[in-house]
């Protein structure tokens, strides 16, 4: 089973559990780093996430994950907050950031830059449009290595 399929199945299983606890399921990633596998569950709530929140969710999802046995390899379960600079992977992540500044790292450079920062003006399945210094830059989604929010500290 592919990592995307595992993530989708785990999301369907965990979303109602996490919502019933009063949290938002922000993202799920199943990845291999070195020889180890990680299931990263990212949660959120309007007032922010504490270590106790992560422990509560971890305790609530550990047993259901073991019972469903979607993941055959042994893995580390990590529950965390999305942080201030949030990775944007899902459509609703981009939707919430419309009109806000985001940072995009690229696989292939555009105008000799592999990292762009600008206001998210639009997005669809194929393209993102950023306003950078008053000019609209169109970026192919398949060229996006990473997109995330920007936290400007004043």
N, C-alpha and C. Protein backbone atom coordinates (compact mmCIF):
# COMPACT_ATOMS: atom_id res chain seq x y z
N UNK A 1 0.83 -1.17 0.00
CA UNK A 1 0.00 0.00 0.00
C UNK A 1 0.88 1.24 0.00
N UNK A 2 0.50 2.25 -0.81
CA UNK A 2 1.31 3.47 -0.89
C UNK A 2 1.14 4.32 0.37
N UNK A 3 2.10 5.21 0.58
CA UNK A 3 2.03 6.10 1.74
C UNK A 3 0.77 6.96 1.71
N UNK A 4 0.38 7.43 0.50
CA UNK A 4 -0.84 8.25 0.36
C UNK A 4 -2.08 7.45 0.76
N UNK A 5 -2.14 6.18 0.35
CA UNK A 5 -3.29 5.35 0.72
C UNK A 5 -3.34 5.13 2.23
N UNK A 6 -2.18 4.89 2.83
CA UNK A 6 -2.12 4.72 4.29
C UNK A 6 -2.60 6.00 4.96
N UNK A 7 -2.09 7.15 4.51
CA UNK A 7 -2.51 8.43 5.08
C UNK A 7 -4.02 8.63 4.97
N UNK A 8 -4.59 8.29 3.82
CA UNK A 8 -6.04 8.45 3.61
C UNK A 8 -6.84 7.55 4.55
N UNK A 9 -6.44 6.30 4.66
CA UNK A 9 -7.16 5.36 5.53
C UNK A 9 -7.05 5.78 7.00
N UNK A 10 -5.87 6.20 7.40
CA UNK A 10 -5.66 6.63 8.78
C UNK A 10 -6.49 7.90 9.05
N UNK A 11 -6.56 8.80 8.08
CA UNK A 11 -7.36 10.02 8.25
C UNK A 11 -8.83 9.70 8.47
N UNK A 12 -9.38 8.78 7.68
CA UNK A 12 -10.78 8.39 7.83
C UNK A 12 -11.02 7.78 9.22
N UNK A 13 -10.08 6.98 9.70
CA UNK A 13 -10.20 6.36 11.01
C UNK A 13 -10.11 7.39 12.14
N UNK A 14 -9.12 8.29 12.05
CA UNK A 14 -8.81 9.17 13.18
C UNK A 14 -9.61 10.46 13.24
N UNK A 15 -10.07 10.97 12.11
CA UNK A 15 -10.74 12.27 12.12
C UNK A 15 -11.92 12.34 13.10
N UNK A 16 -12.84 11.36 13.10
CA UNK A 16 -13.94 11.46 14.07
C UNK A 16 -13.48 11.36 15.52
N UNK A 17 -12.47 10.57 15.79
CA UNK A 17 -11.94 10.43 17.15
C UNK A 17 -11.36 11.77 17.61
N UNK A 18 -10.58 12.39 16.75
CA UNK A 18 -9.92 13.66 17.08
C UNK A 18 -10.95 14.78 17.21
N UNK A 19 -11.94 14.80 16.32
CA UNK A 19 -13.00 15.82 16.40
C UNK A 19 -13.81 15.67 17.68
N UNK A 20 -14.11 14.43 18.07
CA UNK A 20 -14.87 14.20 19.31
C UNK A 20 -14.13 14.69 20.54
N UNK A 21 -12.81 14.76 20.46
CA UNK A 21 -12.01 15.29 21.57
C UNK A 21 -11.93 16.82 21.53
N UNK A 22 -12.47 17.43 20.47
CA UNK A 22 -12.48 18.89 20.37
C UNK A 22 -11.32 19.49 19.59
N UNK A 23 -10.66 18.66 18.78
CA UNK A 23 -9.51 19.14 18.00
C UNK A 23 -9.81 19.04 16.51
N UNK A 24 -8.98 19.71 15.73
CA UNK A 24 -9.03 19.65 14.27
C UNK A 24 -7.88 18.77 13.81
N UNK A 25 -8.16 17.81 12.95
CA UNK A 25 -7.09 17.01 12.33
C UNK A 25 -6.52 17.85 11.19
N UNK A 26 -5.32 18.40 11.40
CA UNK A 26 -4.70 19.29 10.41
C UNK A 26 -4.04 18.50 9.29
N UNK A 27 -3.33 17.43 9.64
CA UNK A 27 -2.62 16.67 8.60
C UNK A 27 -2.18 15.33 9.16
N UNK A 28 -1.93 14.41 8.24
CA UNK A 28 -1.35 13.11 8.56
C UNK A 28 -0.27 12.83 7.53
N UNK A 29 0.90 12.45 8.00
CA UNK A 29 1.99 12.07 7.11
C UNK A 29 2.56 10.74 7.58
N UNK A 30 2.73 9.85 6.62
CA UNK A 30 3.41 8.59 6.89
C UNK A 30 4.67 8.59 6.04
N UNK A 31 5.82 8.67 6.70
CA UNK A 31 7.08 8.80 5.95
C UNK A 31 8.17 7.92 6.54
N UNK A 32 9.15 7.65 5.70
CA UNK A 32 10.32 6.90 6.13
C UNK A 32 11.49 7.88 6.21
N UNK A 33 12.16 7.86 7.34
CA UNK A 33 13.37 8.67 7.52
C UNK A 33 14.47 7.73 7.95
N UNK A 34 15.47 7.58 7.12
CA UNK A 34 16.51 6.59 7.39
C UNK A 34 15.88 5.21 7.35
N UNK A 35 16.07 4.43 8.41
CA UNK A 35 15.49 3.09 8.44
C UNK A 35 14.15 3.06 9.19
N UNK A 36 13.75 4.21 9.76
CA UNK A 36 12.55 4.26 10.59
C UNK A 36 11.35 4.85 9.86
N UNK A 37 10.16 4.35 10.20
CA UNK A 37 8.90 4.88 9.68
C UNK A 37 8.24 5.72 10.77
N UNK A 38 7.58 6.81 10.34
CA UNK A 38 6.89 7.71 11.26
C UNK A 38 5.47 7.97 10.76
N UNK A 39 4.53 7.90 11.68
CA UNK A 39 3.17 8.35 11.41
C UNK A 39 3.02 9.64 12.20
N UNK A 40 2.94 10.76 11.47
CA UNK A 40 2.86 12.07 12.11
C UNK A 40 1.43 12.59 11.98
N UNK A 41 0.81 12.77 13.13
CA UNK A 41 -0.56 13.27 13.21
C UNK A 41 -0.48 14.69 13.75
N UNK A 42 -0.95 15.64 12.95
CA UNK A 42 -0.89 17.05 13.33
C UNK A 42 -2.30 17.51 13.68
N UNK A 43 -2.44 18.08 14.88
CA UNK A 43 -3.74 18.52 15.37
C UNK A 43 -3.71 20.02 15.64
N UNK A 44 -4.90 20.60 15.70
CA UNK A 44 -4.98 22.03 15.95
C UNK A 44 -6.28 22.34 16.70
N UNK A 45 -6.34 23.52 17.26
CA UNK A 45 -7.56 24.10 17.82
C UNK A 45 -7.32 25.60 17.87
N UNK A 46 -8.39 26.40 17.88
CA UNK A 46 -8.22 27.86 17.78
C UNK A 46 -7.27 28.47 18.82
N UNK A 47 -7.28 27.97 20.04
CA UNK A 47 -6.42 28.56 21.07
C UNK A 47 -5.02 27.97 21.11
N UNK A 48 -4.70 27.08 20.17
CA UNK A 48 -3.37 26.48 20.11
C UNK A 48 -3.32 25.13 20.81
N UNK A 49 -2.22 24.45 20.63
CA UNK A 49 -2.04 23.08 21.11
C UNK A 49 -0.95 23.03 22.18
N UNK A 50 -1.24 22.30 23.26
CA UNK A 50 -0.26 22.11 24.34
C UNK A 50 0.27 20.67 24.29
N UNK A 51 1.28 20.41 25.09
CA UNK A 51 1.81 19.05 25.19
C UNK A 51 0.73 18.11 25.72
N UNK A 52 -0.07 18.60 26.66
CA UNK A 52 -1.16 17.78 27.21
C UNK A 52 -2.17 17.40 26.13
N UNK A 53 -2.45 18.33 25.20
CA UNK A 53 -3.36 18.04 24.09
C UNK A 53 -2.79 16.90 23.24
N UNK A 54 -1.50 16.97 22.96
CA UNK A 54 -0.86 15.92 22.16
C UNK A 54 -0.93 14.57 22.87
N UNK A 55 -0.70 14.58 24.18
CA UNK A 55 -0.77 13.34 24.96
C UNK A 55 -2.19 12.78 24.96
N UNK A 56 -3.19 13.64 25.08
CA UNK A 56 -4.59 13.21 25.07
C UNK A 56 -4.93 12.52 23.76
N UNK A 57 -4.56 13.16 22.65
CA UNK A 57 -4.86 12.59 21.33
C UNK A 57 -4.08 11.31 21.11
N UNK A 58 -2.81 11.30 21.49
CA UNK A 58 -1.99 10.10 21.34
C UNK A 58 -2.65 8.92 22.06
N UNK A 59 -3.08 9.15 23.28
CA UNK A 59 -3.72 8.09 24.06
C UNK A 59 -5.01 7.59 23.43
N UNK A 60 -5.75 8.50 22.78
CA UNK A 60 -7.04 8.14 22.19
C UNK A 60 -6.90 7.41 20.85
N UNK A 61 -5.80 7.64 20.13
CA UNK A 61 -5.68 7.06 18.78
C UNK A 61 -4.79 5.83 18.73
N UNK A 62 -3.98 5.61 19.74
CA UNK A 62 -3.01 4.51 19.73
C UNK A 62 -3.70 3.14 19.55
N UNK A 63 -4.70 2.87 20.36
CA UNK A 63 -5.37 1.57 20.29
C UNK A 63 -6.15 1.37 18.98
N UNK A 64 -6.94 2.35 18.53
CA UNK A 64 -7.63 2.17 17.24
C UNK A 64 -6.66 1.92 16.07
N UNK A 65 -5.52 2.60 16.09
CA UNK A 65 -4.51 2.38 15.03
C UNK A 65 -3.99 0.94 15.08
N UNK A 66 -3.71 0.45 16.28
CA UNK A 66 -3.22 -0.94 16.43
C UNK A 66 -4.28 -1.94 15.96
N UNK A 67 -5.54 -1.69 16.31
CA UNK A 67 -6.62 -2.61 15.93
C UNK A 67 -6.81 -2.67 14.42
N UNK A 68 -6.77 -1.50 13.75
CA UNK A 68 -7.01 -1.47 12.30
C UNK A 68 -5.82 -2.03 11.53
N UNK A 69 -4.63 -1.90 12.06
CA UNK A 69 -3.43 -2.52 11.50
C UNK A 69 -3.21 -2.17 10.02
N UNK A 70 -3.42 -0.89 9.67
CA UNK A 70 -3.18 -0.43 8.29
C UNK A 70 -1.70 -0.46 7.94
N UNK A 71 -0.85 -0.29 8.95
CA UNK A 71 0.58 -0.15 8.71
C UNK A 71 1.27 -1.43 9.17
N UNK A 72 1.90 -2.11 8.23
CA UNK A 72 2.50 -3.41 8.53
C UNK A 72 3.88 -3.26 9.20
N UNK A 73 4.62 -2.22 8.83
CA UNK A 73 5.94 -2.00 9.42
C UNK A 73 5.77 -1.44 10.83
N UNK A 74 6.80 -1.60 11.66
CA UNK A 74 6.76 -0.92 12.95
C UNK A 74 7.05 0.56 12.67
N UNK A 75 6.42 1.45 13.45
CA UNK A 75 6.56 2.88 13.20
C UNK A 75 6.48 3.63 14.52
N UNK A 76 6.93 4.87 14.47
CA UNK A 76 6.81 5.78 15.61
C UNK A 76 5.61 6.67 15.38
N UNK A 77 4.73 6.79 16.38
CA UNK A 77 3.58 7.68 16.31
C UNK A 77 3.96 9.00 16.96
N UNK A 78 3.78 10.08 16.22
CA UNK A 78 4.06 11.42 16.74
C UNK A 78 2.81 12.27 16.58
N UNK A 79 2.37 12.91 17.65
CA UNK A 79 1.25 13.84 17.60
C UNK A 79 1.80 15.21 17.95
N UNK A 80 1.50 16.21 17.09
CA UNK A 80 2.06 17.55 17.32
C UNK A 80 1.11 18.62 16.78
N UNK A 81 1.47 19.87 17.04
CA UNK A 81 0.73 21.00 16.50
C UNK A 81 1.36 21.39 15.15
N UNK A 82 0.61 22.12 14.32
CA UNK A 82 1.19 22.54 13.04
C UNK A 82 2.20 23.67 13.19
N UNK A 83 2.25 24.31 14.36
CA UNK A 83 3.20 25.39 14.58
C UNK A 83 2.74 26.69 13.93
N UNK A 84 3.57 27.72 14.05
CA UNK A 84 3.22 29.01 13.47
C UNK A 84 3.38 29.00 11.96
N UNK A 85 4.47 28.43 11.47
CA UNK A 85 4.67 28.32 10.03
C UNK A 85 4.22 26.93 9.61
N UNK A 86 3.01 26.87 9.08
CA UNK A 86 2.35 25.60 8.80
C UNK A 86 2.59 25.15 7.36
N UNK A 87 2.86 23.88 7.22
CA UNK A 87 2.99 23.30 5.89
C UNK A 87 1.60 23.22 5.27
N UNK A 88 1.51 23.60 4.00
CA UNK A 88 0.25 23.59 3.27
C UNK A 88 0.27 22.41 2.30
N UNK A 89 -0.57 21.40 2.57
CA UNK A 89 -0.62 20.22 1.72
C UNK A 89 -2.02 19.98 1.16
N UNK A 90 -3.02 20.30 1.92
CA UNK A 90 -4.40 20.00 1.53
C UNK A 90 -5.07 21.24 0.94
N UNK A 91 -6.11 21.00 0.16
CA UNK A 91 -6.82 22.11 -0.46
C UNK A 91 -7.33 23.10 0.58
N UNK A 92 -7.87 22.60 1.70
CA UNK A 92 -8.41 23.52 2.70
C UNK A 92 -7.31 24.32 3.39
N UNK A 93 -6.08 23.80 3.41
CA UNK A 93 -4.96 24.57 3.95
C UNK A 93 -4.73 25.83 3.09
N UNK A 94 -4.74 25.62 1.75
CA UNK A 94 -4.55 26.75 0.84
C UNK A 94 -5.73 27.71 0.92
N UNK A 95 -6.94 27.17 0.99
CA UNK A 95 -8.15 27.99 1.07
C UNK A 95 -8.07 28.95 2.27
N UNK A 96 -7.63 28.45 3.43
CA UNK A 96 -7.53 29.28 4.62
C UNK A 96 -6.46 30.37 4.48
N UNK A 97 -5.53 30.20 3.56
CA UNK A 97 -4.43 31.16 3.41
C UNK A 97 -4.63 32.14 2.26
N UNK A 98 -5.78 32.09 1.59
CA UNK A 98 -6.04 33.04 0.50
C UNK A 98 -5.88 34.46 1.02
N UNK A 99 -5.10 35.26 0.30
CA UNK A 99 -4.87 36.65 0.70
C UNK A 99 -3.77 36.83 1.72
N UNK A 100 -3.17 35.74 2.17
CA UNK A 100 -2.07 35.81 3.13
C UNK A 100 -0.73 35.49 2.46
N UNK A 101 0.34 35.88 3.13
CA UNK A 101 1.68 35.61 2.61
C UNK A 101 2.05 34.15 2.86
N UNK A 102 2.56 33.49 1.84
CA UNK A 102 3.08 32.14 1.97
C UNK A 102 4.46 32.06 1.32
N UNK A 103 5.17 31.02 1.66
CA UNK A 103 6.49 30.74 1.07
C UNK A 103 6.38 29.45 0.28
N UNK A 104 6.97 29.45 -0.91
CA UNK A 104 6.93 28.27 -1.77
C UNK A 104 8.36 27.92 -2.16
N UNK A 105 8.75 26.68 -1.89
CA UNK A 105 10.04 26.18 -2.33
C UNK A 105 9.78 25.32 -3.57
N UNK A 106 10.63 25.48 -4.57
CA UNK A 106 10.41 24.87 -5.88
C UNK A 106 11.42 23.78 -6.21
N UNK A 107 10.98 22.83 -7.03
CA UNK A 107 11.91 21.84 -7.57
C UNK A 107 12.77 22.47 -8.65
N UNK A 108 12.14 23.25 -9.55
CA UNK A 108 12.86 23.94 -10.63
C UNK A 108 12.68 25.45 -10.45
N UNK A 109 13.77 26.20 -10.62
CA UNK A 109 13.72 27.64 -10.36
C UNK A 109 12.83 28.38 -11.35
N UNK A 110 12.27 29.47 -10.88
CA UNK A 110 11.51 30.42 -11.70
C UNK A 110 12.24 31.75 -11.58
N UNK A 111 12.63 32.30 -12.72
CA UNK A 111 13.40 33.56 -12.75
C UNK A 111 14.60 33.46 -11.81
N UNK A 112 15.29 32.34 -11.88
CA UNK A 112 16.52 32.07 -11.12
C UNK A 112 16.31 31.97 -9.61
N UNK A 113 15.07 31.73 -9.18
CA UNK A 113 14.79 31.59 -7.75
C UNK A 113 14.12 30.25 -7.50
N UNK A 114 14.57 29.56 -6.44
CA UNK A 114 13.94 28.29 -6.04
C UNK A 114 13.07 28.47 -4.80
N UNK A 115 13.00 29.70 -4.30
CA UNK A 115 12.17 30.00 -3.15
C UNK A 115 11.47 31.34 -3.40
N UNK A 116 10.14 31.31 -3.30
CA UNK A 116 9.35 32.52 -3.53
C UNK A 116 8.48 32.80 -2.32
N UNK A 117 8.23 34.07 -2.09
CA UNK A 117 7.36 34.47 -1.00
C UNK A 117 6.42 35.54 -1.53
N UNK A 118 5.12 35.35 -1.30
CA UNK A 118 4.17 36.34 -1.77
C UNK A 118 2.78 36.05 -1.25
N UNK A 119 1.84 36.89 -1.65
CA UNK A 119 0.45 36.76 -1.23
C UNK A 119 -0.24 35.74 -2.13
N UNK A 120 -0.88 34.74 -1.52
CA UNK A 120 -1.60 33.72 -2.28
C UNK A 120 -2.86 34.36 -2.85
N UNK A 121 -2.93 34.45 -4.18
CA UNK A 121 -4.06 35.09 -4.86
C UNK A 121 -5.06 34.07 -5.37
N UNK A 122 -4.57 32.91 -5.83
CA UNK A 122 -5.48 31.86 -6.31
C UNK A 122 -4.73 30.55 -6.36
N UNK A 123 -5.51 29.46 -6.44
CA UNK A 123 -4.92 28.13 -6.59
C UNK A 123 -5.98 27.21 -7.19
N UNK A 124 -5.50 26.20 -7.88
CA UNK A 124 -6.36 25.11 -8.34
C UNK A 124 -5.50 23.86 -8.39
N UNK A 125 -5.98 22.81 -9.03
CA UNK A 125 -5.22 21.56 -9.07
C UNK A 125 -3.87 21.69 -9.79
N UNK A 126 -3.77 22.66 -10.70
CA UNK A 126 -2.57 22.76 -11.52
C UNK A 126 -1.63 23.91 -11.16
N UNK A 127 -2.18 25.02 -10.64
CA UNK A 127 -1.36 26.21 -10.43
C UNK A 127 -1.66 26.91 -9.10
N UNK A 128 -0.63 27.62 -8.62
CA UNK A 128 -0.76 28.60 -7.54
C UNK A 128 -0.43 29.94 -8.17
N UNK A 129 -1.09 31.00 -7.72
CA UNK A 129 -0.72 32.34 -8.14
C UNK A 129 -0.36 33.16 -6.91
N UNK A 130 0.86 33.69 -6.93
CA UNK A 130 1.35 34.54 -5.85
C UNK A 130 1.55 35.95 -6.36
N UNK A 131 1.18 36.92 -5.53
CA UNK A 131 1.50 38.30 -5.84
C UNK A 131 2.80 38.63 -5.13
N UNK A 132 3.83 38.91 -5.93
CA UNK A 132 5.16 39.21 -5.40
C UNK A 132 5.54 40.59 -5.91
N UNK A 133 5.69 41.53 -4.97
CA UNK A 133 6.05 42.92 -5.31
C UNK A 133 5.13 43.49 -6.38
N UNK A 134 3.82 43.26 -6.23
CA UNK A 134 2.82 43.82 -7.14
C UNK A 134 2.63 43.07 -8.45
N UNK A 135 3.39 42.01 -8.66
CA UNK A 135 3.32 41.24 -9.90
C UNK A 135 2.82 39.82 -9.60
N UNK A 136 1.95 39.29 -10.44
CA UNK A 136 1.43 37.93 -10.26
C UNK A 136 2.40 36.92 -10.88
N UNK A 137 2.78 35.93 -10.08
CA UNK A 137 3.64 34.84 -10.55
C UNK A 137 2.83 33.56 -10.50
N UNK A 138 2.76 32.86 -11.63
CA UNK A 138 2.02 31.61 -11.74
C UNK A 138 2.99 30.45 -11.57
N UNK A 139 2.66 29.53 -10.65
CA UNK A 139 3.56 28.42 -10.32
C UNK A 139 2.81 27.12 -10.53
N UNK A 140 3.43 26.20 -11.27
CA UNK A 140 2.83 24.88 -11.45
C UNK A 140 2.87 24.13 -10.13
N UNK A 141 1.75 23.50 -9.76
CA UNK A 141 1.70 22.76 -8.49
C UNK A 141 2.71 21.63 -8.47
N UNK A 142 2.94 20.99 -9.62
CA UNK A 142 3.90 19.88 -9.65
C UNK A 142 5.34 20.35 -9.43
N UNK A 143 5.57 21.67 -9.52
CA UNK A 143 6.89 22.24 -9.27
C UNK A 143 7.07 22.66 -7.81
N UNK A 144 6.02 22.53 -7.00
CA UNK A 144 6.08 22.95 -5.60
C UNK A 144 6.63 21.82 -4.74
N UNK A 145 7.80 22.03 -4.17
CA UNK A 145 8.38 21.05 -3.27
C UNK A 145 7.79 21.21 -1.87
N UNK A 146 7.54 22.46 -1.47
CA UNK A 146 7.00 22.75 -0.14
C UNK A 146 6.32 24.12 -0.18
N UNK A 147 5.14 24.18 0.43
CA UNK A 147 4.46 25.47 0.62
C UNK A 147 4.15 25.58 2.10
N UNK A 148 4.34 26.78 2.65
CA UNK A 148 4.05 26.97 4.07
C UNK A 148 3.68 28.42 4.34
N UNK A 149 3.03 28.62 5.49
CA UNK A 149 2.70 29.97 5.90
C UNK A 149 3.96 30.70 6.35
N UNK A 150 3.85 32.02 6.40
CA UNK A 150 4.98 32.84 6.83
C UNK A 150 4.55 33.61 8.07
N UNK A 151 5.35 33.54 9.09
CA UNK A 151 5.09 34.27 10.33
C UNK A 151 6.07 35.41 10.40
N UNK A 152 5.59 36.61 10.09
CA UNK A 152 6.45 37.80 10.17
C UNK A 152 6.44 38.32 11.59
N UNK A 153 7.59 38.31 12.24
CA UNK A 153 7.69 38.83 13.59
C UNK A 153 8.04 40.31 13.49
N UNK A 154 7.25 41.14 14.12
CA UNK A 154 7.46 42.58 14.02
C UNK A 154 8.10 43.10 15.28
